[in-house]
Each structure stands twice: as structure tokens, then as C-alpha cells.
Amino acid sequence: MEFLNGTFRGSTYQTFESVTDEIISRHLDAKVNRTIGIYPMLQDETCWFLAMDFDKQNWQQDAAAVMETCKEWLISASLERSRSGNGGHIWLFFSQPVEASIARKLGSAILTKTMERRYQISLESYDRLFPNQDTLPKGGFGNLIALPLQGIPRREGNSLFVDEAFRPYDDQWRYLSGVEKLSLDRVQSIIYELTKGGSPFGIHSWNDQEVDESPWIQTESNDHSSVISDSLPSQVNVVISNMIYIEKKALPPTFIHRIQSLAVFQNPDFYKTQAMRLPTYGKPRVIGCYEDFVQYIAIPRGCFEMMDLMKTHQIEAVISEDVIQGIQ
């Protein structure tokens, strides 16, 4: 893979090659196996776009769900089928350089809103954002993403922008020319609208420091007591075993997502690595300790804050125990 600016990272002395029409032509040429990749983050830690990466088995369903969220909130987003055809990227383009941290908040807010509507989306998607970190790693350029419209994959219908039915647009250039670019004001407005001033994750604050000054004080962004407006059942069956199993029957996705968030926490290793300006690839920003079954959502036994959540929404928890008693 070639790099924009010709960056070669395996040498003490780096050389930079200008992007020319010839280099771009090789990327677009279906007879030449060449791909241009780009490091999204600039030296001042801003970026011109945000890309969300989906590459699991159910990538189409997850990407479609995110695109539905973008459509609902009038957010201009473009879906590209990846070079392999087994994944996709959702691109959001900016009209001006936006701080990487703000761009990532935008992506996280969109994913969180999608999870409220469709809680099955994987938490791992949070760390498939490009840029992949808020700050430039020490001595590096961040994470590389391949640009769309690579010549050879295009022959198979890949590396192309697609519509809601995953059909490539007939004229890619005409499609791209009509894509709206988001201004900084619009980005900040979307983040606020999606989060209501709280956290893009719906859990904890966006605090990159290793330790909060007063972690025992609950803030607006990690308060699970805000009332959900969706219709809720009067009773929910809860089984206490190796984990706490909450029956999902009649529970709306927004409430299930709220239960999930009780078992999600920020990964201290991610923030320690980021603070040292080292690559954070493969280190999730957040860690989820819940399990999703067909009939139940399971959270660790220590998450009894779940009872407060039930009480706030006037739901009676019908508790039964299925545990093995130890020898007396």
C-alpha cells in the first residue's frame, strides 16, 4: 500500500513524496494493483473526515443501522463497501479541519444513539473509528485507512460507495459531488443533540485523565436515573446465578441499552497508552462485561445498581435464585 505524502515509517530518515496525478491514477487504474492509504490526523491533531469501520459477519446490518440513525438525525454520511467486500466504512466529511477528539465524539455519539435503537450492535465498533485516537502517537502518524475507488476491487463492486440496498452508485463522482460536508458548528450541534449535553457513550464522562478527582460523585453523564419515555412493563423476571439475568421480554431497546451500560467501563490501559502518545490500536476505549442471550441480558453480580434503575422506572423485579450453595 502506498501512503499519501509517500511516508515510509521503517526508517530513521523519512522521505515525503508529493501526491501527483500519476499516483492518483495508479490508485484508480483497474490494471494496476496499487492502493493509496491516508493518515486522517494532521500534525495539529485535526482531521477532514471521520470513518467508521465495520468488518464482522453482520457488518451490513450494523452499518445499515448506523446509516438509519444518520438519516433520522439529518447527518450526511456515505457508506462504502470495503476492498474485500466483507466489510464497510461509513464516511463523514467536514468542511473544515475538526479536532480529532471532537470527530471521535461525533462517531461515538452516533453509535450510542444507534445502540439505543438497536442494542445488539457490538461495543467493539467504538474503536473502529478513524482517526483511531484523539492525539498523535509519539513518533507516528496514527492509523492508516485505504481510500475508496481502488481500481481492481471496483471490478468486483467493492471499494465503492453504495446506497441503502448496498448497490453501488452508477456515477461515483456525481454522488460524491453532492455529499454535504459538515461544519464544525454542525458537528458540535449534532453531538449535543444526540447526547443532550451528556457523554457520547451514555456512560461516564469523556475524561481522559487516569483518575477522576472525585470518582464517588455521580455526574450527569454517568447518571442512569434519567427516565426513559418508552413503554415499559410493570414486572421483569430476574434470575441471580453466576450473573444477573434480566428477561428481555417486553423491554424496549433503550432500556436494554441502559442495563448494558451498567456493565461497561472505560479502559484505563487505553488512556494510559494515549497519554504516552503511543498507538492505541487493539486497545478498546471501553470494555463491556455483559452478555446478550436470546431471552436474557446478563450483567455481573456486582451490578445491583440495576435495582435502582428498575425502581426509578417503577418496574417490579421478580427475583429468583439459581445458585449452588457451598458446604456449610
Protein backbone atom coordinates (compact mmCIF):
# COMPACT_ATOMS: atom_id res chain seq x y z
CA MET A 1 0.00 0.00 0.00
CA GLU A 2 1.25 3.46 -0.85
CA PHE A 3 0.90 6.35 1.58
CA LEU A 4 -0.24 9.87 0.92
CA ASN A 5 2.84 12.08 1.11
CA GLY A 6 4.93 8.97 0.44
CA THR A 7 5.55 8.38 4.14
CA PHE A 8 7.94 5.50 4.85
CA ARG A 9 7.80 4.54 8.52
CA GLY A 10 10.50 1.91 8.80
CA SER A 11 13.49 4.21 8.56
CA THR A 12 15.19 6.76 10.76
CA TYR A 13 15.11 9.17 7.84
CA GLN A 14 11.63 9.68 6.38
CA THR A 15 11.10 10.88 2.85
CA PHE A 16 7.96 12.59 1.66
CA GLU A 17 6.69 12.38 -1.89
CA SER A 18 4.11 14.81 -3.22
CA VAL A 19 0.73 13.47 -4.26
CA THR A 20 0.61 13.67 -8.04
CA ASP A 21 -1.92 12.86 -10.74
CA GLU A 22 0.20 9.80 -11.58
CA ILE A 23 -0.09 8.41 -8.05
CA ILE A 24 -3.84 9.01 -8.00
CA SER A 25 -4.13 7.41 -11.44
CA ARG A 26 -2.40 4.25 -10.21
CA HIS A 27 -4.93 4.03 -7.38
CA LEU A 28 -7.87 4.33 -9.79
CA ASP A 29 -6.40 2.16 -12.56
CA ALA A 30 -8.08 -1.27 -12.73
CA LYS A 31 -4.96 -2.69 -14.41
CA VAL A 32 -2.53 -1.68 -11.66
CA ASN A 33 -2.58 -3.22 -8.16
CA ARG A 34 -1.86 -0.06 -6.18
CA THR A 35 -3.73 1.50 -3.26
CA ILE A 36 -3.40 4.89 -1.65
CA GLY A 37 -3.82 4.98 2.12
CA ILE A 38 -4.26 8.07 4.23
CA TYR A 39 -3.49 9.02 7.81
CA PRO A 40 -6.59 11.03 8.81
CA MET A 41 -4.96 13.10 11.56
CA LEU A 42 -2.98 16.21 10.66
CA GLN A 43 0.01 17.48 12.62
CA ASP A 44 -2.22 19.84 14.62
CA GLU A 45 -4.41 16.83 15.61
CA THR A 46 -7.33 17.82 13.41
CA CYS A 47 -8.93 15.87 10.58
CA TRP A 48 -11.06 16.46 7.48
CA PHE A 49 -13.20 13.34 7.90
CA LEU A 50 -14.32 10.60 10.27
CA ALA A 51 -14.65 6.99 9.12
CA MET A 52 -16.37 4.13 10.95
CA ASP A 53 -15.10 0.66 10.16
CA PHE A 54 -17.33 -2.43 10.12
CA ASP A 55 -15.81 -5.79 9.27
CA LYS A 56 -17.62 -8.51 11.23
CA GLN A 57 -20.05 -11.08 9.89
CA ASN A 58 -23.06 -8.84 10.46
CA TRP A 59 -21.38 -5.69 9.18
CA GLN A 60 -24.19 -4.90 6.75
CA GLN A 61 -26.86 -4.94 9.47
CA ASP A 62 -24.74 -2.80 11.80
CA ALA A 63 -23.73 -0.34 9.08
CA ALA A 64 -27.34 -0.08 7.90
CA ALA A 65 -28.48 0.64 11.47
CA VAL A 66 -25.92 3.45 11.81
CA MET A 67 -26.93 4.88 8.43
CA GLU A 68 -30.56 4.87 9.59
CA THR A 69 -29.54 6.88 12.65
CA CYS A 70 -27.70 9.36 10.45
CA LYS A 71 -30.74 9.67 8.18
CA GLU A 72 -33.07 10.19 11.15
CA TRP A 73 -30.89 12.98 12.54
CA LEU A 74 -30.15 14.54 9.12
CA ILE A 75 -26.44 13.72 9.33
CA SER A 76 -24.72 13.49 5.96
CA ALA A 77 -22.97 10.09 5.83
CA SER A 78 -21.61 7.95 2.98
CA LEU A 79 -21.35 4.15 3.03
CA GLU A 80 -18.51 2.42 1.19
CA ARG A 81 -18.11 -1.30 0.68
CA SER A 82 -14.51 -2.17 1.59
CA ARG A 83 -11.89 -3.54 -0.81
CA SER A 84 -12.52 -7.15 0.26
CA GLY A 85 -16.29 -6.84 0.05
CA ASN A 86 -16.53 -8.31 3.57
CA GLY A 87 -16.85 -5.03 5.40
CA GLY A 88 -17.66 -1.39 5.01
CA HIS A 89 -16.79 2.16 6.01
CA ILE A 90 -19.15 4.99 6.88
CA TRP A 91 -17.57 8.32 5.98
CA LEU A 92 -18.48 11.75 7.39
CA PHE A 93 -16.74 14.61 5.62
CA PHE A 94 -16.03 18.02 7.17
CA SER A 95 -15.96 21.44 5.52
CA GLN A 96 -13.03 22.48 7.72
CA PRO A 97 -10.46 20.73 9.92
CA VAL A 98 -12.09 19.40 13.09
CA GLU A 99 -10.24 18.33 16.23
CA ALA A 100 -9.82 14.55 16.21
CA SER A 101 -11.26 14.32 19.73
CA ILE A 102 -14.42 16.13 18.62
CA ALA A 103 -14.72 14.00 15.47
CA ARG A 104 -14.44 10.84 17.58
CA LYS A 105 -17.08 12.15 19.98
CA LEU A 106 -19.35 12.58 16.99
CA GLY A 107 -18.78 8.97 15.92
CA SER A 108 -19.30 7.65 19.45
CA ALA A 109 -22.48 9.69 19.86
CA ILE A 110 -23.91 8.27 16.63
CA LEU A 111 -23.00 4.72 17.65
CA THR A 112 -24.52 5.21 21.09
CA LYS A 113 -27.77 6.55 19.63
CA THR A 114 -27.83 3.56 17.28
CA MET A 115 -27.35 1.19 20.22
CA GLU A 116 -30.33 2.77 21.95
CA ARG A 117 -32.42 1.88 18.93
CA ARG A 118 -30.69 -1.45 18.23
CA TYR A 119 -28.77 -2.56 21.30
CA GLN A 120 -27.25 -5.64 19.59
CA ILE A 121 -24.59 -3.55 17.81
CA SER A 122 -21.15 -4.52 19.10
CA LEU A 123 -19.33 -2.25 21.54
CA GLU A 124 -16.16 -3.05 19.62
CA SER A 125 -17.40 -0.69 16.93
CA TYR A 126 -16.41 2.19 19.22
CA ASP A 127 -12.76 1.55 18.48
CA ARG A 128 -13.16 1.17 14.75
CA LEU A 129 -13.07 4.89 14.18
CA PHE A 130 -10.60 6.72 12.00
CA PRO A 131 -8.87 8.69 13.45
CA ASN A 132 -8.37 5.89 15.94
CA GLN A 133 -7.13 8.18 18.72
CA ASP A 134 -7.57 11.75 19.96
CA THR A 135 -3.89 12.67 19.76
CA LEU A 136 -0.97 11.78 17.51
CA PRO A 137 1.08 8.88 18.85
CA LYS A 138 4.68 9.69 19.72
CA GLY A 139 6.83 9.50 16.58
CA GLY A 140 3.93 8.29 14.45
CA PHE A 141 1.07 9.40 12.24
CA GLY A 142 -1.85 7.49 13.72
CA ASN A 143 -3.78 4.78 11.90
CA LEU A 144 -3.90 4.29 8.15
CA ILE A 145 -7.10 3.76 6.16
CA ALA A 146 -7.28 2.81 2.49
CA LEU A 147 -9.01 5.34 0.25
CA PRO A 148 -12.08 4.24 -1.75
CA LEU A 149 -12.36 3.71 -5.50
CA GLN A 150 -9.34 1.43 -5.85
CA GLY A 151 -9.25 0.19 -9.44
CA ILE A 152 -9.04 -3.61 -9.15
CA PRO A 153 -11.62 -4.08 -6.34
CA ARG A 154 -14.03 -1.84 -8.25
CA ARG A 155 -14.36 -4.54 -10.90
CA GLU A 156 -15.95 -6.74 -8.19
CA GLY A 157 -18.26 -3.99 -6.95
CA ASN A 158 -16.02 -3.23 -3.96
CA SER A 159 -14.24 -0.08 -2.78
CA LEU A 160 -17.33 1.80 -4.00
CA PHE A 161 -19.95 3.97 -2.35
CA VAL A 162 -23.29 2.18 -2.11
CA ASP A 163 -26.93 3.07 -1.43
CA GLU A 164 -29.26 1.74 1.29
CA ALA A 165 -29.61 -1.56 -0.58
CA PHE A 166 -25.79 -1.85 -0.84
CA ARG A 167 -25.90 -1.21 -4.60
CA PRO A 168 -23.02 0.90 -5.96
CA TYR A 169 -23.99 4.32 -7.28
CA ASP A 170 -23.78 4.40 -11.08
CA ASP A 171 -21.74 7.60 -11.10
CA GLN A 172 -19.43 7.70 -8.08
CA TRP A 173 -18.08 11.17 -8.84
CA ARG A 174 -21.54 12.68 -9.23
CA TYR A 175 -22.58 11.09 -5.95
CA LEU A 176 -19.54 12.44 -4.10
CA SER A 177 -20.00 15.92 -5.56
CA GLY A 178 -23.42 16.09 -3.90
CA VAL A 179 -22.34 14.91 -0.44
CA GLU A 180 -22.79 17.56 2.24
CA LYS A 181 -19.72 18.45 4.28
CA LEU A 182 -20.32 19.07 7.98
CA SER A 183 -19.14 22.33 9.52
CA LEU A 184 -17.62 22.46 12.99
CA ASP A 185 -20.74 24.18 14.34
CA ARG A 186 -22.91 21.44 12.83
CA VAL A 187 -20.70 18.71 14.32
CA GLN A 188 -20.88 20.24 17.79
CA SER A 189 -24.63 20.73 17.45
CA ILE A 190 -25.13 17.07 16.47
CA ILE A 191 -23.07 15.87 19.44
CA TYR A 192 -25.16 17.98 21.81
CA GLU A 193 -28.46 16.90 20.24
CA LEU A 194 -27.56 13.21 20.38
CA THR A 195 -26.22 13.29 23.92
CA LYS A 196 -28.32 16.09 25.43
CA GLY A 197 -25.10 17.51 26.80
CA GLY A 198 -24.04 14.22 28.39
CA SER A 199 -21.50 11.60 27.35
CA PRO A 200 -21.31 10.25 23.78
CA PHE A 201 -21.05 6.80 25.33
CA GLY A 202 -24.02 7.22 27.61
CA ILE A 203 -21.61 6.11 30.35
CA HIS A 204 -19.11 8.07 32.41
CA SER A 205 -17.72 11.40 31.29
CA TRP A 206 -15.30 11.94 28.44
CA ASN A 207 -12.46 12.37 30.90
CA ASP A 208 -9.09 11.30 29.52
CA GLN A 209 -7.37 11.64 32.88
CA GLU A 210 -6.39 8.40 34.56
CA VAL A 211 -8.23 9.17 37.83
CA ASP A 212 -11.18 11.50 38.46
CA GLU A 213 -10.66 13.89 41.33
CA SER A 214 -13.93 12.75 42.96
CA PRO A 215 -14.94 9.45 41.35
CA TRP A 216 -17.54 8.76 44.03
CA ILE A 217 -19.64 11.74 42.92
CA GLN A 218 -22.15 10.80 40.25
CA THR A 219 -22.28 13.25 37.36
CA GLU A 220 -24.95 13.91 34.76
CA SER A 221 -23.14 11.83 32.15
CA ASN A 222 -22.94 8.67 34.27
CA ASP A 223 -26.35 9.04 35.94
CA HIS A 224 -28.57 6.12 34.98
CA SER A 225 -31.63 7.54 36.75
CA SER A 226 -32.96 9.69 33.88
CA VAL A 227 -36.41 8.46 32.93
CA ILE A 228 -36.94 6.56 29.68
CA SER A 229 -40.07 7.62 27.83
CA ASP A 230 -40.66 4.29 26.06
CA SER A 231 -43.43 1.98 27.25
CA LEU A 232 -42.13 -0.33 29.98
CA PRO A 233 -43.58 -3.47 31.62
CA SER A 234 -44.74 -3.42 35.24
CA GLN A 235 -42.72 -6.54 36.10
CA VAL A 236 -39.48 -8.11 34.89
CA ASN A 237 -38.16 -11.55 35.80
CA VAL A 238 -34.62 -11.51 37.20
CA VAL A 239 -32.55 -14.65 37.84
CA ILE A 240 -29.50 -14.41 40.09
CA SER A 241 -26.97 -17.11 39.28
CA ASN A 242 -23.35 -16.80 38.16
CA MET A 243 -24.52 -13.45 36.73
CA ILE A 244 -27.67 -11.37 36.99
CA TYR A 245 -30.00 -12.42 34.17
CA ILE A 246 -32.74 -9.92 33.24
CA GLU A 247 -35.50 -11.20 30.98
CA LYS A 248 -35.69 -9.04 27.85
CA LYS A 249 -39.35 -9.76 27.11
CA ALA A 250 -41.30 -6.51 26.70
CA LEU A 251 -38.21 -4.38 27.39
CA PRO A 252 -37.51 -1.71 24.72
CA PRO A 253 -34.01 -1.42 23.24
CA THR A 254 -33.40 1.87 25.07
CA PHE A 255 -33.88 0.17 28.46
CA ILE A 256 -31.77 -2.86 27.49
CA HIS A 257 -29.03 -0.47 26.41
CA ARG A 258 -29.29 1.25 29.80
CA ILE A 259 -28.84 -2.14 31.51
CA GLN A 260 -25.81 -2.85 29.33
CA SER A 261 -24.24 0.47 30.27
CA LEU A 262 -24.21 -0.63 33.93
CA ALA A 263 -21.60 -3.23 32.96
CA VAL A 264 -19.45 -1.01 30.77
CA PHE A 265 -16.41 0.94 31.92
CA GLN A 266 -13.58 2.95 30.45
CA ASN A 267 -10.38 1.01 29.83
CA PRO A 268 -7.57 2.58 31.90
CA ASP A 269 -4.94 0.92 29.71
CA PHE A 270 -6.29 2.82 26.68
CA TYR A 271 -5.97 6.20 28.40
CA LYS A 272 -2.55 5.39 29.82
CA THR A 273 -1.33 4.44 26.36
CA GLN A 274 -2.93 7.51 24.80
CA ALA A 275 -1.40 9.81 27.41
CA MET A 276 2.02 8.42 26.45
CA ARG A 277 1.17 9.18 22.78
CA LEU A 278 1.66 5.53 21.87
CA PRO A 279 -0.52 3.65 19.33
CA THR A 280 -3.85 2.56 20.80
CA TYR A 281 -4.66 0.05 18.06
CA GLY A 282 -6.25 -3.07 19.52
CA LYS A 283 -6.95 -1.38 22.86
CA PRO A 284 -10.68 -0.72 23.31
CA ARG A 285 -11.65 2.63 24.78
CA VAL A 286 -14.45 0.95 26.72
CA ILE A 287 -14.91 -2.60 27.97
CA GLY A 288 -18.30 -4.32 28.15
CA CYS A 289 -18.83 -7.06 30.77
CA TYR A 290 -22.36 -8.03 29.79
CA GLU A 291 -23.61 -10.98 27.75
CA ASP A 292 -26.57 -10.94 25.39
CA PHE A 293 -28.68 -14.10 25.16
CA VAL A 294 -31.86 -14.81 23.22
CA GLN A 295 -34.18 -14.27 26.19
CA TYR A 296 -31.93 -12.58 28.74
CA ILE A 297 -29.36 -9.82 29.11
CA ALA A 298 -26.73 -10.81 31.70
CA ILE A 299 -24.61 -8.45 33.77
CA PRO A 300 -22.09 -9.16 36.57
CA ARG A 301 -23.48 -9.96 40.02
CA GLY A 302 -21.98 -6.76 41.40
CA CYS A 303 -24.19 -4.56 39.19
CA PHE A 304 -27.01 -4.24 41.70
CA GLU A 305 -27.45 -0.65 40.59
CA MET A 306 -29.85 -2.43 38.26
CA MET A 307 -32.37 -2.45 41.13
CA ASP A 308 -32.26 1.35 41.35
CA LEU A 309 -32.81 1.51 37.60
CA MET A 310 -35.88 -0.71 37.93
CA LYS A 311 -37.21 1.33 40.87
CA THR A 312 -36.75 4.62 39.01
CA HIS A 313 -38.93 3.32 36.19
CA GLN A 314 -41.47 1.71 38.55
CA ILE A 315 -40.66 -1.81 37.41
CA GLU A 316 -41.01 -4.65 39.91
CA ALA A 317 -38.07 -7.05 39.74
CA VAL A 318 -39.39 -10.59 40.31
CA ILE A 319 -36.20 -12.21 41.62
CA SER A 320 -35.40 -15.90 41.71
CA GLU A 321 -32.08 -17.50 42.63
CA ASP A 322 -30.35 -20.40 40.93
CA VAL A 323 -27.07 -20.78 42.78
CA ILE A 324 -25.14 -23.69 44.22
CA GLN A 325 -24.80 -23.43 47.97
CA GLY A 326 -21.35 -24.05 49.37
CA ILE A 327 -20.59 -26.66 52.04
CA GLN A 328 -21.60 -25.39 55.47
